[in-house]
Amino acid sequence: MKGINVDTYGTLNEVLVRLFRDIMDIEQQAIITQEFNNITNNDMHVIEAIGIGEPKNMSSIARELSVTVGTLTIAMNSLVKKGYVTRQRGKEDRRVVYISLSEKGKEAYEHHARFHQEMIAGAVASLSENEIEVLIKALTNLNKWFRSL
C-alpha cells in the first residue's frame, strides 16, 4: 500500500470502521426526535432528496438516491401516508407525478439540514484551511472508491 506503515493502517482502519458504524446510529438518534418519531433514516434521506425547491418527478429522485423507481414508490407511499410528502399529477402530462414536501416534510428537511450543519462544523472546528482541503480530497477519493464498486 502507498507509503502507509502498519500503525497508520491500523489507525485509519479503526477510525473508518468505527465512523461508518456510528454515523447511521448517531444520525438516527439525532434526527428521529419526538417530533419526527415515525420516520427512519431512509425516510429522511428520501425527504432530503426531494428537497424544498421545485417539485421533482420520481425518476429524478430515484436517480439521486441510486434506487429503482419501484423501490422509491414503496418509501413514497409510506411518506405520503405519514404526511411528509405530497403527490401531484403534471398539468401538461397527467402520467407524470410530481413529488414535493408538505409543511411537515419541510420541517423534517430543515431539522435534518441542521444536523448536517452541526456535523460539518464539528468535523472542521479545529482544522486549518489547508487541513480542510486535505480532508475534502481524502473524502472525495474515498467516495470515488465506494462508487467504483
C-alpha atoms as a PDB file:
ATOM      1  CA  MET A   1       0.000   0.000   0.000  1.00  0.00           C
ATOM      2  CA  LYS A   2       1.204   3.511  -0.892  1.00  0.00           C
ATOM      3  CA  GLY A   3       3.590   4.566   1.903  1.00  0.00           C
ATOM      4  CA  ILE A   4       1.381   3.520   4.804  1.00  0.00           C
ATOM      5  CA  ASN A   5       3.017   1.846   7.769  1.00  0.00           C
ATOM      6  CA  VAL A   6       1.258  -0.747   9.892  1.00  0.00           C
ATOM      7  CA  ASP A   7       0.373   1.714  12.677  1.00  0.00           C
ATOM      8  CA  THR A   8      -1.125   4.229  10.263  1.00  0.00           C
ATOM      9  CA  TYR A   9      -3.078   1.482   8.502  1.00  0.00           C
ATOM     10  CA  GLY A  10      -4.439   0.222  11.837  1.00  0.00           C
ATOM     11  CA  THR A  11      -5.451   3.712  12.927  1.00  0.00           C
ATOM     12  CA  LEU A  12      -7.172   4.510   9.615  1.00  0.00           C
ATOM     13  CA  ASN A  13      -8.927   1.156   9.613  1.00  0.00           C
ATOM     14  CA  GLU A  14     -10.189   1.620  13.169  1.00  0.00           C
ATOM     15  CA  VAL A  15     -11.358   5.205  12.552  1.00  0.00           C
ATOM     16  CA  LEU A  16     -13.145   4.385   9.290  1.00  0.00           C
ATOM     17  CA  VAL A  17     -14.807   1.220  10.572  1.00  0.00           C
ATOM     18  CA  ARG A  18     -15.988   2.979  13.732  1.00  0.00           C
ATOM     19  CA  LEU A  19     -17.101   6.047  11.748  1.00  0.00           C
ATOM     20  CA  PHE A  20     -19.202   4.027   9.296  1.00  0.00           C
ATOM     21  CA  ARG A  21     -20.747   2.034  12.127  1.00  0.00           C
ATOM     22  CA  ASP A  22     -21.529   5.122  14.210  1.00  0.00           C
ATOM     23  CA  ILE A  23     -22.786   7.501  11.518  1.00  0.00           C
ATOM     24  CA  MET A  24     -26.078   5.725  10.944  1.00  0.00           C
ATOM     25  CA  ASP A  25     -26.711   5.159  14.661  1.00  0.00           C
ATOM     26  CA  ILE A  26     -25.838   8.717  15.651  1.00  0.00           C
ATOM     27  CA  GLU A  27     -27.799  10.206  12.774  1.00  0.00           C
ATOM     28  CA  GLN A  28     -30.811   8.079  13.715  1.00  0.00           C
ATOM     29  CA  GLN A  29     -30.629   9.288  17.328  1.00  0.00           C
ATOM     30  CA  ALA A  30     -30.104  12.937  16.376  1.00  0.00           C
ATOM     31  CA  ILE A  31     -32.699  13.143  13.631  1.00  0.00           C
ATOM     32  CA  ILE A  32     -35.520  10.963  14.845  1.00  0.00           C
ATOM     33  CA  THR A  33     -36.801  13.111  17.693  1.00  0.00           C
ATOM     34  CA  GLN A  34     -40.159  13.154  19.463  1.00  0.00           C
ATOM     35  CA  GLU A  35     -41.463  15.387  16.674  1.00  0.00           C
ATOM     36  CA  PHE A  36     -40.227  13.067  13.900  1.00  0.00           C
ATOM     37  CA  ASN A  37     -40.543   9.715  15.642  1.00  0.00           C
ATOM     38  CA  ASN A  38     -42.393   7.890  12.856  1.00  0.00           C
ATOM     39  CA  ILE A  39     -39.712   8.060  10.164  1.00  0.00           C
ATOM     40  CA  THR A  40     -36.472   6.214   9.550  1.00  0.00           C
ATOM     41  CA  ASN A  41     -33.036   7.344   8.376  1.00  0.00           C
ATOM     42  CA  ASN A  42     -34.016   6.050   4.945  1.00  0.00           C
ATOM     43  CA  ASP A  43     -37.187   8.170   5.003  1.00  0.00           C
ATOM     44  CA  MET A  44     -35.127  11.205   5.984  1.00  0.00           C
ATOM     45  CA  HIS A  45     -32.760  10.652   3.057  1.00  0.00           C
ATOM     46  CA  VAL A  46     -35.742  10.456   0.691  1.00  0.00           C
ATOM     47  CA  ILE A  47     -37.014  13.735   2.186  1.00  0.00           C
ATOM     48  CA  GLU A  48     -33.548  15.235   1.665  1.00  0.00           C
ATOM     49  CA  ALA A  49     -33.515  14.104  -1.994  1.00  0.00           C
ATOM     50  CA  ILE A  50     -36.944  15.647  -2.624  1.00  0.00           C
ATOM     51  CA  GLY A  51     -35.710  18.919  -1.169  1.00  0.00           C
ATOM     52  CA  ILE A  52     -37.540  22.167  -0.631  1.00  0.00           C
ATOM     53  CA  GLY A  53     -37.223  23.535  -4.159  1.00  0.00           C
ATOM     54  CA  GLU A  54     -39.396  22.800  -7.155  1.00  0.00           C
ATOM     55  CA  PRO A  55     -41.369  19.539  -7.196  1.00  0.00           C
ATOM     56  CA  LYS A  56     -39.447  16.607  -8.685  1.00  0.00           C
ATOM     57  CA  ASN A  57     -40.553  13.564 -10.619  1.00  0.00           C
ATOM     58  CA  MET A  58     -39.990  10.062  -9.276  1.00  0.00           C
ATOM     59  CA  SER A  59     -37.261   9.238 -11.790  1.00  0.00           C
ATOM     60  CA  SER A  60     -35.052  12.153 -10.779  1.00  0.00           C
ATOM     61  CA  ILE A  61     -35.428  11.354  -7.071  1.00  0.00           C
ATOM     62  CA  ALA A  62     -34.709   7.646  -7.668  1.00  0.00           C
ATOM     63  CA  ARG A  63     -31.621   8.559  -9.711  1.00  0.00           C
ATOM     64  CA  GLU A  64     -30.346  10.851  -6.944  1.00  0.00           C
ATOM     65  CA  LEU A  65     -30.791   8.072  -4.366  1.00  0.00           C
ATOM     66  CA  SER A  66     -29.428   5.344  -6.686  1.00  0.00           C
ATOM     67  CA  VAL A  67     -32.570   3.226  -6.282  1.00  0.00           C
ATOM     68  CA  THR A  68     -35.224   1.965  -8.673  1.00  0.00           C
ATOM     69  CA  VAL A  69     -38.494   3.839  -9.111  1.00  0.00           C
ATOM     70  CA  GLY A  70     -40.237   0.735  -7.717  1.00  0.00           C
ATOM     71  CA  THR A  71     -38.189   0.837  -4.526  1.00  0.00           C
ATOM     72  CA  LEU A  72     -38.775   4.573  -4.204  1.00  0.00           C
ATOM     73  CA  THR A  73     -42.530   4.101  -4.681  1.00  0.00           C
ATOM     74  CA  ILE A  74     -42.690   1.939  -1.551  1.00  0.00           C
ATOM     75  CA  ALA A  75     -40.916   4.609   0.521  1.00  0.00           C
ATOM     76  CA  MET A  76     -43.003   7.360  -1.079  1.00  0.00           C
ATOM     77  CA  ASN A  77     -46.308   5.614  -0.247  1.00  0.00           C
ATOM     78  CA  SER A  78     -45.241   5.487   3.384  1.00  0.00           C
ATOM     79  CA  LEU A  79     -44.161   9.142   3.465  1.00  0.00           C
ATOM     80  CA  VAL A  80     -47.437  10.255   1.868  1.00  0.00           C
ATOM     81  CA  LYS A  81     -49.422   8.287   4.488  1.00  0.00           C
ATOM     82  CA  LYS A  82     -47.346   9.847   7.277  1.00  0.00           C
ATOM     83  CA  GLY A  83     -47.984  13.341   5.900  1.00  0.00           C
ATOM     84  CA  TYR A  84     -44.427  14.295   4.892  1.00  0.00           C
ATOM     85  CA  VAL A  85     -44.867  14.213   1.107  1.00  0.00           C
ATOM     86  CA  THR A  86     -47.492  15.222  -1.434  1.00  0.00           C
ATOM     87  CA  ARG A  87     -48.026  13.902  -4.954  1.00  0.00           C
ATOM     88  CA  GLN A  88     -49.403  15.939  -7.822  1.00  0.00           C
ATOM     89  CA  ARG A  89     -50.106  14.943 -11.422  1.00  0.00           C
ATOM     90  CA  GLY A  90     -48.473  17.011 -14.134  1.00  0.00           C
ATOM     91  CA  LYS A  91     -50.680  19.662 -15.709  1.00  0.00           C
ATOM     92  CA  GLU A  92     -49.387  19.063 -19.234  1.00  0.00           C
ATOM     93  CA  ASP A  93     -48.775  15.321 -18.957  1.00  0.00           C
ATOM     94  CA  ARG A  94     -51.042  13.639 -16.408  1.00  0.00           C
ATOM     95  CA  ARG A  95     -48.861  10.492 -16.484  1.00  0.00           C
ATOM     96  CA  VAL A  96     -46.048  12.367 -14.732  1.00  0.00           C
ATOM     97  CA  VAL A  97     -46.275  12.532 -10.941  1.00  0.00           C
ATOM     98  CA  TYR A  98     -44.514  15.368  -9.156  1.00  0.00           C
ATOM     99  CA  ILE A  99     -43.377  14.969  -5.590  1.00  0.00           C
ATOM    100  CA  SER A 100     -42.949  17.754  -3.069  1.00  0.00           C
ATOM    101  CA  LEU A 101     -42.666  18.078   0.684  1.00  0.00           C
ATOM    102  CA  SER A 102     -45.650  19.021   2.811  1.00  0.00           C
ATOM    103  CA  GLU A 103     -45.145  21.562   5.609  1.00  0.00           C
ATOM    104  CA  LYS A 104     -44.352  18.657   7.941  1.00  0.00           C
ATOM    105  CA  GLY A 105     -41.863  17.349   5.357  1.00  0.00           C
ATOM    106  CA  LYS A 106     -40.193  20.763   5.091  1.00  0.00           C
ATOM    107  CA  GLU A 107     -39.829  20.878   8.876  1.00  0.00           C
ATOM    108  CA  ALA A 108     -38.184  17.430   8.811  1.00  0.00           C
ATOM    109  CA  TYR A 109     -35.908  18.586   5.961  1.00  0.00           C
ATOM    110  CA  GLU A 110     -34.780  21.645   7.946  1.00  0.00           C
ATOM    111  CA  HIS A 111     -34.231  19.503  11.047  1.00  0.00           C
ATOM    112  CA  HIS A 112     -32.019  17.138   9.024  1.00  0.00           C
ATOM    113  CA  ALA A 113     -30.138  20.062   7.435  1.00  0.00           C
ATOM    114  CA  ARG A 114     -29.334  21.456  10.913  1.00  0.00           C
ATOM    115  CA  PHE A 115     -27.884  18.081  11.946  1.00  0.00           C
ATOM    116  CA  HIS A 116     -25.633  18.090   8.862  1.00  0.00           C
ATOM    117  CA  GLN A 117     -24.532  21.682   9.533  1.00  0.00           C
ATOM    118  CA  GLU A 118     -23.606  20.758  13.107  1.00  0.00           C
ATOM    119  CA  MET A 119     -21.786  17.622  11.917  1.00  0.00           C
ATOM    120  CA  ILE A 120     -19.694  19.587   9.413  1.00  0.00           C
ATOM    121  CA  ALA A 121     -18.971  22.354  11.918  1.00  0.00           C
ATOM    122  CA  GLY A 122     -17.795  19.727  14.406  1.00  0.00           C
ATOM    123  CA  ALA A 123     -15.615  17.999  11.801  1.00  0.00           C
ATOM    124  CA  VAL A 124     -13.749  21.148  10.751  1.00  0.00           C
ATOM    125  CA  ALA A 125     -13.771  23.094  14.035  1.00  0.00           C
ATOM    126  CA  SER A 126     -10.066  22.681  14.786  1.00  0.00           C
ATOM    127  CA  LEU A 127      -8.782  22.381  11.203  1.00  0.00           C
ATOM    128  CA  SER A 128      -6.873  24.960   9.177  1.00  0.00           C
ATOM    129  CA  GLU A 129      -7.970  25.808   5.628  1.00  0.00           C
ATOM    130  CA  ASN A 130      -5.198  23.537   4.281  1.00  0.00           C
ATOM    131  CA  GLU A 131      -6.315  20.675   6.514  1.00  0.00           C
ATOM    132  CA  ILE A 132      -9.901  21.135   5.352  1.00  0.00           C
ATOM    133  CA  GLU A 133      -8.711  20.913   1.723  1.00  0.00           C
ATOM    134  CA  VAL A 134      -6.831  17.683   2.523  1.00  0.00           C
ATOM    135  CA  LEU A 135      -9.911  16.291   4.296  1.00  0.00           C
ATOM    136  CA  ILE A 136     -12.083  17.116   1.270  1.00  0.00           C
ATOM    137  CA  LYS A 137      -9.562  15.434  -1.043  1.00  0.00           C
ATOM    138  CA  ALA A 138      -9.388  12.312   1.140  1.00  0.00           C
ATOM    139  CA  LEU A 139     -13.157  12.009   1.468  1.00  0.00           C
ATOM    140  CA  THR A 140     -13.629  12.628  -2.265  1.00  0.00           C
ATOM    141  CA  ASN A 141     -11.172   9.810  -3.014  1.00  0.00           C
ATOM    142  CA  LEU A 142     -12.998   7.522  -0.573  1.00  0.00           C
ATOM    143  CA  ASN A 143     -16.330   8.401  -2.174  1.00  0.00           C
ATOM    144  CA  LYS A 144     -14.943   7.661  -5.666  1.00  0.00           C
ATOM    145  CA  TRP A 145     -13.638   4.308  -4.462  1.00  0.00           C
ATOM    146  CA  PHE A 146     -17.029   3.356  -2.993  1.00  0.00           C
ATOM    147  CA  ARG A 147     -18.861   4.433  -6.149  1.00  0.00           C
ATOM    148  CA  SER A 148     -16.497   2.355  -8.293  1.00  0.00           C
ATOM    149  CA  LEU A 149     -17.523  -0.885  -6.555  1.00  0.00           C
END
